[in-house]
């Protein structure tokens, strides 16, 4: 089990091209990594806060992810809900060390 504050290698830039999202695991916890068109990388819990469906199965257009289960939309830059607006993805700090993407799990705090 990974504790908060521990940086865990999750993927490399070769695993996650710009404009893509993908699911990776930190321990047994699914994490969605998003490589934004700006070049920034974001990490969120890998399941939709609405119904727990895997977010990596969704569609990305620009920086907006649409969950494939019920079409909820999220801004991948901020994690905020686009439709509906009253929801938020749980974010985690991300660090890039060379081409290695590392994530530090938070206790479920919002970005």
PDB file of N, CA and C in Angstrom:
ATOM      1  N   UNK A   1       0.843  -1.181   0.000  1.00  0.00           N
ATOM      2  CA  UNK A   1       0.000   0.000   0.000  1.00  0.00           C
ATOM      3  C   UNK A   1       0.886   1.242   0.000  1.00  0.00           C
ATOM      4  N   UNK A   2       0.561   2.206  -0.852  1.00  0.00           N
ATOM      5  CA  UNK A   2       1.338   3.430  -0.951  1.00  0.00           C
ATOM      6  C   UNK A   2       0.707   4.498  -0.069  1.00  0.00           C
ATOM      7  N   UNK A   3       1.515   5.162   0.749  1.00  0.00           N
ATOM      8  CA  UNK A   3       0.975   6.194   1.628  1.00  0.00           C
ATOM      9  C   UNK A   3       1.097   7.552   0.968  1.00  0.00           C
ATOM     10  N   UNK A   4       0.290   8.499   1.456  1.00  0.00           N
ATOM     11  CA  UNK A   4       0.325   9.855   0.933  1.00  0.00           C
ATOM     12  C   UNK A   4       1.724  10.424   1.130  1.00  0.00           C
ATOM     13  N   UNK A   5       2.175  11.193   0.154  1.00  0.00           N
ATOM     14  CA  UNK A   5       3.497  11.794   0.240  1.00  0.00           C
ATOM     15  C   UNK A   5       4.581  10.953  -0.402  1.00  0.00           C
ATOM     16  N   UNK A   6       4.283   9.711  -0.753  1.00  0.00           N
ATOM     17  CA  UNK A   6       5.239   8.844  -1.421  1.00  0.00           C
ATOM     18  C   UNK A   6       5.068   8.990  -2.928  1.00  0.00           C
ATOM     19  N   UNK A   7       6.181   9.248  -3.616  1.00  0.00           N
ATOM     20  CA  UNK A   7       6.137   9.372  -5.073  1.00  0.00           C
ATOM     21  C   UNK A   7       6.338   7.999  -5.703  1.00  0.00           C
ATOM     22  N   UNK A   8       5.394   7.584  -6.526  1.00  0.00           N
ATOM     23  CA  UNK A   8       5.413   6.262  -7.144  1.00  0.00           C
ATOM     24  C   UNK A   8       5.552   6.402  -8.657  1.00  0.00           C
ATOM     25  N   UNK A   9       6.563   5.759  -9.263  1.00  0.00           N
ATOM     26  CA  UNK A   9       6.645   5.750 -10.727  1.00  0.00           C
ATOM     27  C   UNK A   9       5.432   5.026 -11.298  1.00  0.00           C
ATOM     28  N   UNK A  10       4.777   5.651 -12.259  1.00  0.00           N
ATOM     29  CA  UNK A  10       3.538   5.095 -12.795  1.00  0.00           C
ATOM     30  C   UNK A  10       3.656   4.770 -14.282  1.00  0.00           C
ATOM     31  N   UNK A  11       4.329   5.634 -15.045  1.00  0.00           N
ATOM     32  CA  UNK A  11       4.414   5.457 -16.491  1.00  0.00           C
ATOM     33  C   UNK A  11       5.565   6.303 -17.016  1.00  0.00           C
ATOM     34  N   UNK A  12       5.822   6.184 -18.304  1.00  0.00           N
ATOM     35  CA  UNK A  12       6.788   7.064 -18.962  1.00  0.00           C
ATOM     36  C   UNK A  12       6.054   7.868 -20.035  1.00  0.00           C
ATOM     37  N   UNK A  13       6.718   8.883 -20.545  1.00  0.00           N
ATOM     38  CA  UNK A  13       6.109   9.689 -21.608  1.00  0.00           C
ATOM     39  C   UNK A  13       5.803   8.850 -22.846  1.00  0.00           C
ATOM     40  N   UNK A  14       6.571   7.769 -23.057  1.00  0.00           N
ATOM     41  CA  UNK A  14       6.284   6.875 -24.181  1.00  0.00           C
ATOM     42  C   UNK A  14       4.969   6.129 -23.992  1.00  0.00           C
ATOM     43  N   UNK A  15       4.526   5.967 -22.735  1.00  0.00           N
ATOM     44  CA  UNK A  15       3.269   5.277 -22.436  1.00  0.00           C
ATOM     45  C   UNK A  15       2.052   6.182 -22.597  1.00  0.00           C
ATOM     46  N   UNK A  16       2.269   7.495 -22.655  1.00  0.00           N
ATOM     47  CA  UNK A  16       1.159   8.451 -22.613  1.00  0.00           C
ATOM     48  C   UNK A  16       1.469   9.618 -23.542  1.00  0.00           C
ATOM     49  N   UNK A  17       0.973   9.536 -24.755  1.00  0.00           N
ATOM     50  CA  UNK A  17       1.229  10.570 -25.746  1.00  0.00           C
ATOM     51  C   UNK A  17       0.408  11.824 -25.442  1.00  0.00           C
ATOM     52  N   UNK A  18       0.891  12.948 -25.911  1.00  0.00           N
ATOM     53  CA  UNK A  18       0.174  14.213 -25.718  1.00  0.00           C
ATOM     54  C   UNK A  18      -1.231  14.102 -26.310  1.00  0.00           C
ATOM     55  N   UNK A  19      -2.221  14.572 -25.529  1.00  0.00           N
ATOM     56  CA  UNK A  19      -3.614  14.502 -25.950  1.00  0.00           C
ATOM     57  C   UNK A  19      -4.313  13.221 -25.562  1.00  0.00           C
ATOM     58  N   UNK A  20      -3.609  12.318 -24.880  1.00  0.00           N
ATOM     59  CA  UNK A  20      -4.190  11.027 -24.505  1.00  0.00           C
ATOM     60  C   UNK A  20      -4.444  10.923 -23.001  1.00  0.00           C
ATOM     61  N   UNK A  21      -5.326   9.997 -22.648  1.00  0.00           N
ATOM     62  CA  UNK A  21      -5.517   9.579 -21.266  1.00  0.00           C
ATOM     63  C   UNK A  21      -5.323   8.073 -21.212  1.00  0.00           C
ATOM     64  N   UNK A  22      -4.905   7.576 -20.056  1.00  0.00           N
ATOM     65  CA  UNK A  22      -4.747   6.135 -19.886  1.00  0.00           C
ATOM     66  C   UNK A  22      -4.843   5.805 -18.402  1.00  0.00           C
ATOM     67  N   UNK A  23      -5.229   4.561 -18.118  1.00  0.00           N
ATOM     68  CA  UNK A  23      -5.346   4.087 -16.744  1.00  0.00           C
ATOM     69  C   UNK A  23      -4.081   3.344 -16.351  1.00  0.00           C
ATOM     70  N   UNK A  24      -3.578   3.698 -15.169  1.00  0.00           N
ATOM     71  CA  UNK A  24      -2.438   3.015 -14.574  1.00  0.00           C
ATOM     72  C   UNK A  24      -2.815   2.723 -13.122  1.00  0.00           C
ATOM     73  N   UNK A  25      -1.994   1.973 -12.435  1.00  0.00           N
ATOM     74  CA  UNK A  25      -2.299   1.623 -11.046  1.00  0.00           C
ATOM     75  C   UNK A  25      -1.178   2.065 -10.123  1.00  0.00           C
ATOM     76  N   UNK A  26      -1.573   2.562  -8.965  1.00  0.00           N
ATOM     77  CA  UNK A  26      -0.659   2.777  -7.852  1.00  0.00           C
ATOM     78  C   UNK A  26      -1.160   1.810  -6.789  1.00  0.00           C
ATOM     79  N   UNK A  27      -0.424   0.732  -6.600  1.00  0.00           N
ATOM     80  CA  UNK A  27      -0.926  -0.359  -5.765  1.00  0.00           C
ATOM     81  C   UNK A  27      -2.159  -0.935  -6.446  1.00  0.00           C
ATOM     82  N   UNK A  28      -3.286  -0.995  -5.724  1.00  0.00           N
ATOM     83  CA  UNK A  28      -4.524  -1.514  -6.318  1.00  0.00           C
ATOM     84  C   UNK A  28      -5.486  -0.387  -6.701  1.00  0.00           C
ATOM     85  N   UNK A  29      -4.989   0.841  -6.699  1.00  0.00           N
ATOM     86  CA  UNK A  29      -5.848   2.000  -6.975  1.00  0.00           C
ATOM     87  C   UNK A  29      -5.684   2.465  -8.435  1.00  0.00           C
ATOM     88  N   UNK A  30      -6.781   2.453  -9.219  1.00  0.00           N
ATOM     89  CA  UNK A  30      -6.685   2.920 -10.599  1.00  0.00           C
ATOM     90  C   UNK A  30      -6.516   4.442 -10.642  1.00  0.00           C
ATOM     91  N   UNK A  31      -5.559   4.878 -11.457  1.00  0.00           N
ATOM     92  CA  UNK A  31      -5.251   6.298 -11.611  1.00  0.00           C
ATOM     93  C   UNK A  31      -5.353   6.643 -13.095  1.00  0.00           C
ATOM     94  N   UNK A  32      -6.053   7.724 -13.396  1.00  0.00           N
ATOM     95  CA  UNK A  32      -6.136   8.221 -14.762  1.00  0.00           C
ATOM     96  C   UNK A  32      -5.055   9.268 -14.951  1.00  0.00           C
ATOM     97  N   UNK A  33      -4.166   9.032 -15.911  1.00  0.00           N
ATOM     98  CA  UNK A  33      -3.196  10.048 -16.289  1.00  0.00           C
ATOM     99  C   UNK A  33      -3.685  10.716 -17.566  1.00  0.00           C
ATOM    100  N   UNK A  34      -3.588  12.036 -17.598  1.00  0.00           N
ATOM    101  CA  UNK A  34      -3.970  12.813 -18.774  1.00  0.00           C
ATOM    102  C   UNK A  34      -2.772  13.650 -19.192  1.00  0.00           C
ATOM    103  N   UNK A  35      -2.346  13.485 -20.435  1.00  0.00           N
ATOM    104  CA  UNK A  35      -1.250  14.287 -20.998  1.00  0.00           C
ATOM    105  C   UNK A  35      -1.912  15.358 -21.860  1.00  0.00           C
ATOM    106  N   UNK A  36      -2.022  16.553 -21.296  1.00  0.00           N
ATOM    107  CA  UNK A  36      -2.740  17.638 -21.947  1.00  0.00           C
ATOM    108  C   UNK A  36      -1.992  18.144 -23.164  1.00  0.00           C
ATOM    109  N   UNK A  37      -2.708  18.790 -24.059  1.00  0.00           N
ATOM    110  CA  UNK A  37      -2.106  19.341 -25.270  1.00  0.00           C
ATOM    111  C   UNK A  37      -1.088  20.435 -24.943  1.00  0.00           C
ATOM    112  N   UNK A  38      -1.211  21.036 -23.760  1.00  0.00           N
ATOM    113  CA  UNK A  38      -0.243  22.046 -23.307  1.00  0.00           C
ATOM    114  C   UNK A  38       1.085  21.407 -22.915  1.00  0.00           C
ATOM    115  N   UNK A  39       1.093  20.061 -22.788  1.00  0.00           N
ATOM    116  CA  UNK A  39       2.279  19.340 -22.350  1.00  0.00           C
ATOM    117  C   UNK A  39       2.228  18.970 -20.881  1.00  0.00           C
ATOM    118  N   UNK A  40       1.305  19.582 -20.124  1.00  0.00           N
ATOM    119  CA  UNK A  40       1.160  19.259 -18.701  1.00  0.00           C
ATOM    120  C   UNK A  40       0.547  17.872 -18.531  1.00  0.00           C
ATOM    121  N   UNK A  41       0.835  17.263 -17.386  1.00  0.00           N
ATOM    122  CA  UNK A  41       0.272  15.949 -17.066  1.00  0.00           C
ATOM    123  C   UNK A  41      -0.516  16.076 -15.776  1.00  0.00           C
ATOM    124  N   UNK A  42      -1.694  15.484 -15.764  1.00  0.00           N
ATOM    125  CA  UNK A  42      -2.555  15.484 -14.588  1.00  0.00           C
ATOM    126  C   UNK A  42      -2.841  14.044 -14.192  1.00  0.00           C
ATOM    127  N   UNK A  43      -3.070  13.841 -12.881  1.00  0.00           N
ATOM    128  CA  UNK A  43      -3.447  12.520 -12.373  1.00  0.00           C
ATOM    129  C   UNK A  43      -4.711  12.651 -11.545  1.00  0.00           C
ATOM    130  N   UNK A  44      -5.650  11.772 -11.797  1.00  0.00           N
ATOM    131  CA  UNK A  44      -6.928  11.751 -11.085  1.00  0.00           C
ATOM    132  C   UNK A  44      -7.261  10.314 -10.709  1.00  0.00           C
ATOM    133  N   UNK A  45      -8.137  10.152  -9.704  1.00  0.00           N
ATOM    134  CA  UNK A  45      -8.667   8.818  -9.460  1.00  0.00           C
ATOM    135  C   UNK A  45      -9.255   8.325 -10.778  1.00  0.00           C
ATOM    136  N   UNK A  46      -9.096   7.050 -11.065  1.00  0.00           N
ATOM    137  CA  UNK A  46      -9.451   6.514 -12.365  1.00  0.00           C
ATOM    138  C   UNK A  46     -10.904   6.172 -12.569  1.00  0.00           C
ATOM    139  N   UNK A  47     -11.758   6.475 -11.594  1.00  0.00           N
ATOM    140  CA  UNK A  47     -13.178   6.159 -11.732  1.00  0.00           C
ATOM    141  C   UNK A  47     -14.017   7.426 -11.641  1.00  0.00           C
ATOM    142  N   UNK A  48     -15.094   7.423 -12.381  1.00  0.00           N
ATOM    143  CA  UNK A  48     -16.006   8.565 -12.399  1.00  0.00           C
ATOM    144  C   UNK A  48     -16.644   8.739 -11.020  1.00  0.00           C
ATOM    145  N   UNK A  49     -16.692   9.970 -10.485  1.00  0.00           N
ATOM    146  CA  UNK A  49     -17.308  10.180  -9.179  1.00  0.00           C
ATOM    147  C   UNK A  49     -18.816   9.947  -9.192  1.00  0.00           C
ATOM    148  N   UNK A  50     -19.403   9.867 -10.360  1.00  0.00           N
ATOM    149  CA  UNK A  50     -20.843   9.653 -10.466  1.00  0.00           C
ATOM    150  C   UNK A  50     -21.226   8.203 -10.189  1.00  0.00           C
ATOM    151  N   UNK A  51     -20.627   7.274 -10.949  1.00  0.00           N
ATOM    152  CA  UNK A  51     -21.048   5.878 -10.830  1.00  0.00           C
ATOM    153  C   UNK A  51     -19.885   4.893 -10.757  1.00  0.00           C
ATOM    154  N   UNK A  52     -18.656   5.398 -10.601  1.00  0.00           N
ATOM    155  CA  UNK A  52     -17.514   4.511 -10.436  1.00  0.00           C
ATOM    156  C   UNK A  52     -17.052   3.826 -11.706  1.00  0.00           C
ATOM    157  N   UNK A  53     -17.463   4.306 -12.862  1.00  0.00           N
ATOM    158  CA  UNK A  53     -17.078   3.699 -14.135  1.00  0.00           C
ATOM    159  C   UNK A  53     -15.659   4.124 -14.499  1.00  0.00           C
ATOM    160  N   UNK A  54     -14.855   3.267 -15.140  1.00  0.00           N
ATOM    161  CA  UNK A  54     -13.474   3.627 -15.496  1.00  0.00           C
ATOM    162  C   UNK A  54     -13.420   4.827 -16.453  1.00  0.00           C
ATOM    163  N   UNK A  55     -12.741   5.889 -16.034  1.00  0.00           N
ATOM    164  CA  UNK A  55     -12.656   7.095 -16.850  1.00  0.00           C
ATOM    165  C   UNK A  55     -11.827   6.896 -18.112  1.00  0.00           C
ATOM    166  N   UNK A  56     -10.868   5.971 -18.092  1.00  0.00           N
ATOM    167  CA  UNK A  56     -10.018   5.752 -19.261  1.00  0.00           C
ATOM    168  C   UNK A  56     -10.819   5.237 -20.456  1.00  0.00           C
ATOM    169  N   UNK A  57     -12.023   4.723 -20.219  1.00  0.00           N
ATOM    170  CA  UNK A  57     -12.878   4.256 -21.301  1.00  0.00           C
ATOM    171  C   UNK A  57     -13.604   5.405 -21.997  1.00  0.00           C
ATOM    172  N   UNK A  58     -13.476   6.615 -21.452  1.00  0.00           N
ATOM    173  CA  UNK A  58     -14.181   7.771 -22.005  1.00  0.00           C
ATOM    174  C   UNK A  58     -13.516   8.331 -23.250  1.00  0.00           C
ATOM    175  N   UNK A  59     -14.159   9.345 -23.813  1.00  0.00           N
ATOM    176  CA  UNK A  59     -13.671  10.019 -25.013  1.00  0.00           C
ATOM    177  C   UNK A  59     -13.080  11.371 -24.626  1.00  0.00           C
ATOM    178  N   UNK A  60     -11.962  11.735 -25.270  1.00  0.00           N
ATOM    179  CA  UNK A  60     -11.318  13.022 -25.013  1.00  0.00           C
ATOM    180  C   UNK A  60     -11.444  13.889 -26.255  1.00  0.00           C
ATOM    181  N   UNK A  61     -11.926  15.105 -26.050  1.00  0.00           N
ATOM    182  CA  UNK A  61     -11.963  16.096 -27.122  1.00  0.00           C
ATOM    183  C   UNK A  61     -11.379  17.378 -26.553  1.00  0.00           C
ATOM    184  N   UNK A  62     -10.235  17.791 -27.101  1.00  0.00           N
ATOM    185  CA  UNK A  62      -9.502  18.909 -26.506  1.00  0.00           C
ATOM    186  C   UNK A  62      -9.027  18.465 -25.132  1.00  0.00           C
ATOM    187  N   UNK A  63      -9.374  19.224 -24.098  1.00  0.00           N
ATOM    188  CA  UNK A  63      -9.038  18.846 -22.724  1.00  0.00           C
ATOM    189  C   UNK A  63     -10.275  18.431 -21.933  1.00  0.00           C
ATOM    190  N   UNK A  64     -11.329  18.013 -22.627  1.00  0.00           N
ATOM    191  CA  UNK A  64     -12.565  17.573 -21.962  1.00  0.00           C
ATOM    192  C   UNK A  64     -12.725  16.070 -22.140  1.00  0.00           C
ATOM    193  N   UNK A  65     -12.892  15.389 -21.005  1.00  0.00           N
ATOM    194  CA  UNK A  65     -13.126  13.942 -20.993  1.00  0.00           C
ATOM    195  C   UNK A  65     -14.608  13.697 -20.765  1.00  0.00           C
ATOM    196  N   UNK A  66     -15.203  12.868 -21.619  1.00  0.00           N
ATOM    197  CA  UNK A  66     -16.602  12.477 -21.455  1.00  0.00           C
ATOM    198  C   UNK A  66     -16.635  11.027 -21.008  1.00  0.00           C
ATOM    199  N   UNK A  67     -17.195  10.784 -19.827  1.00  0.00           N
ATOM    200  CA  UNK A  67     -17.310   9.428 -19.293  1.00  0.00           C
ATOM    201  C   UNK A  67     -18.226   8.616 -20.209  1.00  0.00           C
ATOM    202  N   UNK A  68     -17.800   7.399 -20.543  1.00  0.00           N
ATOM    203  CA  UNK A  68     -18.571   6.570 -21.475  1.00  0.00           C
ATOM    204  C   UNK A  68     -19.831   5.970 -20.847  1.00  0.00           C
ATOM    205  N   UNK A  69     -19.946   6.008 -19.529  1.00  0.00           N
ATOM    206  CA  UNK A  69     -21.117   5.405 -18.884  1.00  0.00           C
ATOM    207  C   UNK A  69     -22.352   6.289 -19.001  1.00  0.00           C
ATOM    208  N   UNK A  70     -22.245   7.558 -18.583  1.00  0.00           N
ATOM    209  CA  UNK A  70     -23.419   8.433 -18.541  1.00  0.00           C
ATOM    210  C   UNK A  70     -23.146   9.813 -19.123  1.00  0.00           C
ATOM    211  N   UNK A  71     -22.047   9.934 -19.871  1.00  0.00           N
ATOM    212  CA  UNK A  71     -21.699  11.168 -20.589  1.00  0.00           C
ATOM    213  C   UNK A  71     -21.418  12.372 -19.699  1.00  0.00           C
ATOM    214  N   UNK A  72     -21.027  12.134 -18.447  1.00  0.00           N
ATOM    215  CA  UNK A  72     -20.583  13.265 -17.624  1.00  0.00           C
ATOM    216  C   UNK A  72     -19.269  13.772 -18.209  1.00  0.00           C
ATOM    217  N   UNK A  73     -19.055  15.093 -18.179  1.00  0.00           N
ATOM    218  CA  UNK A  73     -17.875  15.700 -18.782  1.00  0.00           C
ATOM    219  C   UNK A  73     -17.017  16.385 -17.729  1.00  0.00           C
ATOM    220  N   UNK A  74     -15.693  16.264 -17.895  1.00  0.00           N
ATOM    221  CA  UNK A  74     -14.738  16.831 -16.946  1.00  0.00           C
ATOM    222  C   UNK A  74     -13.631  17.570 -17.687  1.00  0.00           C
ATOM    223  N   UNK A  75     -13.215  18.715 -17.154  1.00  0.00           N
ATOM    224  CA  UNK A  75     -12.076  19.464 -17.666  1.00  0.00           C
ATOM    225  C   UNK A  75     -10.821  18.777 -17.138  1.00  0.00           C
ATOM    226  N   UNK A  76     -10.008  18.234 -18.028  1.00  0.00           N
ATOM    227  CA  UNK A  76      -8.830  17.480 -17.600  1.00  0.00           C
ATOM    228  C   UNK A  76      -7.727  18.374 -17.046  1.00  0.00           C
ATOM    229  N   UNK A  77      -7.773  19.663 -17.319  1.00  0.00           N
ATOM    230  CA  UNK A  77      -6.772  20.582 -16.773  1.00  0.00           C
ATOM    231  C   UNK A  77      -7.022  20.839 -15.290  1.00  0.00           C
ATOM    232  N   UNK A  78      -8.291  20.949 -14.906  1.00  0.00           N
ATOM    233  CA  UNK A  78      -8.633  21.306 -13.520  1.00  0.00           C
ATOM    234  C   UNK A  78      -9.328  20.197 -12.750  1.00  0.00           C
ATOM    235  N   UNK A  79      -9.912  19.236 -13.454  1.00  0.00           N
ATOM    236  CA  UNK A  79     -10.679  18.175 -12.801  1.00  0.00           C
ATOM    237  C   UNK A  79     -12.111  18.559 -12.505  1.00  0.00           C
ATOM    238  N   UNK A  80     -12.492  19.793 -12.816  1.00  0.00           N
ATOM    239  CA  UNK A  80     -13.854  20.241 -12.518  1.00  0.00           C
ATOM    240  C   UNK A  80     -14.848  19.695 -13.528  1.00  0.00           C
ATOM    241  N   UNK A  81     -16.080  19.559 -13.055  1.00  0.00           N
ATOM    242  CA  UNK A  81     -17.142  19.101 -13.926  1.00  0.00           C
ATOM    243  C   UNK A  81     -17.526  20.169 -14.927  1.00  0.00           C
ATOM    244  N   UNK A  82     -17.742  19.753 -16.171  1.00  0.00           N
ATOM    245  CA  UNK A  82     -18.229  20.646 -17.219  1.00  0.00           C
ATOM    246  C   UNK A  82     -19.735  20.469 -17.352  1.00  0.00           C
ATOM    247  N   UNK A  83     -20.176  19.204 -17.326  1.00  0.00           N
ATOM    248  CA  UNK A  83     -21.596  18.891 -17.397  1.00  0.00           C
ATOM    249  C   UNK A  83     -21.822  17.568 -16.669  1.00  0.00           C
ATOM    250  N   UNK A  84     -22.339  17.586 -15.453  1.00  0.00           N
ATOM    251  CA  UNK A  84     -22.775  18.743 -14.675  1.00  0.00           C
ATOM    252  C   UNK A  84     -21.580  19.470 -14.035  1.00  0.00           C
ATOM    253  N   UNK A  85     -21.836  20.680 -13.585  1.00  0.00           N
ATOM    254  CA  UNK A  85     -20.768  21.511 -13.026  1.00  0.00           C
ATOM    255  C   UNK A  85     -20.539  21.284 -11.537  1.00  0.00           C
ATOM    256  N   UNK A  86     -21.400  20.520 -10.867  1.00  0.00           N
ATOM    257  CA  UNK A  86     -21.295  20.348  -9.415  1.00  0.00           C
ATOM    258  C   UNK A  86     -20.521  19.104  -9.005  1.00  0.00           C
ATOM    259  N   UNK A  87     -19.585  18.669  -9.844  1.00  0.00           N
ATOM    260  CA  UNK A  87     -18.772  17.503  -9.496  1.00  0.00           C
ATOM    261  C   UNK A  87     -17.300  17.835  -9.719  1.00  0.00           C
ATOM    262  N   UNK A  88     -16.428  16.993  -9.182  1.00  0.00           N
ATOM    263  CA  UNK A  88     -14.981  17.245  -9.231  1.00  0.00           C
ATOM    264  C   UNK A  88     -14.256  15.913  -9.203  1.00  0.00           C
ATOM    265  N   UNK A  89     -13.255  15.769 -10.066  1.00  0.00           N
ATOM    266  CA  UNK A  89     -12.403  14.584 -10.010  1.00  0.00           C
ATOM    267  C   UNK A  89     -11.420  14.737  -8.855  1.00  0.00           C
ATOM    268  N   UNK A  90     -11.050  13.632  -8.233  1.00  0.00           N
ATOM    269  CA  UNK A  90     -10.054  13.644  -7.159  1.00  0.00           C
ATOM    270  C   UNK A  90      -8.676  13.632  -7.808  1.00  0.00           C
ATOM    271  N   UNK A  91      -7.905  14.682  -7.538  1.00  0.00           N
ATOM    272  CA  UNK A  91      -6.608  14.829  -8.204  1.00  0.00           C
ATOM    273  C   UNK A  91      -5.463  14.419  -7.287  1.00  0.00           C
ATOM    274  N   UNK A  92      -4.333  14.130  -7.918  1.00  0.00           N
ATOM    275  CA  UNK A  92      -3.117  13.751  -7.211  1.00  0.00           C
ATOM    276  C   UNK A  92      -1.948  14.500  -7.824  1.00  0.00           C
ATOM    277  N   UNK A  93      -0.964  14.907  -7.007  1.00  0.00           N
ATOM    278  CA  UNK A  93       0.219  15.588  -7.541  1.00  0.00           C
ATOM    279  C   UNK A  93       0.994  14.681  -8.497  1.00  0.00           C
ATOM    280  N   UNK A  94       1.524  15.302  -9.549  1.00  0.00           N
ATOM    281  CA  UNK A  94       2.298  14.594 -10.568  1.00  0.00           C
ATOM    282  C   UNK A  94       3.650  15.272 -10.707  1.00  0.00           C
ATOM    283  N   UNK A  95       4.660  14.468 -10.898  1.00  0.00           N
ATOM    284  CA  UNK A  95       6.018  14.971 -11.137  1.00  0.00           C
ATOM    285  C   UNK A  95       6.581  14.246 -12.344  1.00  0.00           C
ATOM    286  N   UNK A  96       7.331  14.983 -13.152  1.00  0.00           N
ATOM    287  CA  UNK A  96       8.018  14.388 -14.290  1.00  0.00           C
ATOM    288  C   UNK A  96       9.498  14.412 -13.977  1.00  0.00           C
ATOM    289  N   UNK A  97      10.111  13.229 -13.942  1.00  0.00           N
ATOM    290  CA  UNK A  97      11.538  13.091 -13.668  1.00  0.00           C
ATOM    291  C   UNK A  97      12.169  12.453 -14.897  1.00  0.00           C
ATOM    292  N   UNK A  98      12.748  13.291 -15.772  1.00  0.00           N
ATOM    293  CA  UNK A  98      13.193  12.799 -17.073  1.00  0.00           C
ATOM    294  C   UNK A  98      11.958  12.475 -17.880  1.00  0.00           C
ATOM    295  N   UNK A  99      11.831  11.213 -18.318  1.00  0.00           N
ATOM    296  CA  UNK A  99      10.600  10.819 -19.009  1.00  0.00           C
ATOM    297  C   UNK A  99       9.693   9.973 -18.110  1.00  0.00           C
ATOM    298  N   UNK A 100      10.045   9.861 -16.816  1.00  0.00           N
ATOM    299  CA  UNK A 100       9.280   9.061 -15.854  1.00  0.00           C
ATOM    300  C   UNK A 100       8.204   9.924 -15.198  1.00  0.00           C
ATOM    301  N   UNK A 101       6.944   9.467 -15.264  1.00  0.00           N
ATOM    302  CA  UNK A 101       5.823  10.142 -14.614  1.00  0.00           C
ATOM    303  C   UNK A 101       5.623   9.499 -13.254  1.00  0.00           C
ATOM    304  N   UNK A 102       5.701  10.315 -12.187  1.00  0.00           N
ATOM    305  CA  UNK A 102       5.479   9.801 -10.840  1.00  0.00           C
ATOM    306  C   UNK A 102       4.264  10.501 -10.235  1.00  0.00           C
ATOM    307  N   UNK A 103       3.567   9.780  -9.365  1.00  0.00           N
ATOM    308  CA  UNK A 103       2.350  10.291  -8.742  1.00  0.00           C
ATOM    309  C   UNK A 103       2.457  10.111  -7.242  1.00  0.00           C
ATOM    310  N   UNK A 104       1.962  11.108  -6.497  1.00  0.00           N
ATOM    311  CA  UNK A 104       1.855  11.004  -5.040  1.00  0.00           C
ATOM    312  C   UNK A 104       0.363  10.996  -4.694  1.00  0.00           C
ATOM    313  N   UNK A 105      -0.110   9.888  -4.157  1.00  0.00           N
ATOM    314  CA  UNK A 105      -1.537   9.795  -3.839  1.00  0.00           C
ATOM    315  C   UNK A 105      -1.893  10.728  -2.701  1.00  0.00           C
ATOM    316  N   UNK A 106      -3.010  11.410  -2.881  1.00  0.00           N
ATOM    317  CA  UNK A 106      -3.565  12.241  -1.817  1.00  0.00           C
ATOM    318  C   UNK A 106      -4.624  11.407  -1.106  1.00  0.00           C
ATOM    319  N   UNK A 107      -5.116  11.902  -0.034  1.00  0.00           N
ATOM    320  CA  UNK A 107      -6.147  11.185   0.716  1.00  0.00           C
ATOM    321  C   UNK A 107      -7.532  11.380   0.160  1.00  0.00           C
ATOM    322  N   UNK A 108      -7.630  11.857  -1.079  1.00  0.00           N
ATOM    323  CA  UNK A 108      -8.949  12.093  -1.660  1.00  0.00           C
ATOM    324  C   UNK A 108      -9.273  13.559  -1.714  1.00  0.00           C
ATOM    325  N   UNK A 109      -8.250  14.410  -1.605  1.00  0.00           N
ATOM    326  CA  UNK A 109      -8.473  15.841  -1.669  1.00  0.00           C
ATOM    327  C   UNK A 109      -8.724  16.248  -3.105  1.00  0.00           C
ATOM    328  N   UNK A 110      -9.408  17.370  -3.267  1.00  0.00           N
ATOM    329  CA  UNK A 110      -9.680  17.887  -4.600  1.00  0.00           C
ATOM    330  C   UNK A 110      -8.637  18.916  -4.945  1.00  0.00           C
ATOM    331  N   UNK A 111      -8.350  18.996  -6.207  1.00  0.00           N
ATOM    332  CA  UNK A 111      -7.374  19.973  -6.726  1.00  0.00           C
ATOM    333  C   UNK A 111      -7.938  21.361  -6.668  1.00  0.00           C
TER     334      UNK A 111
END
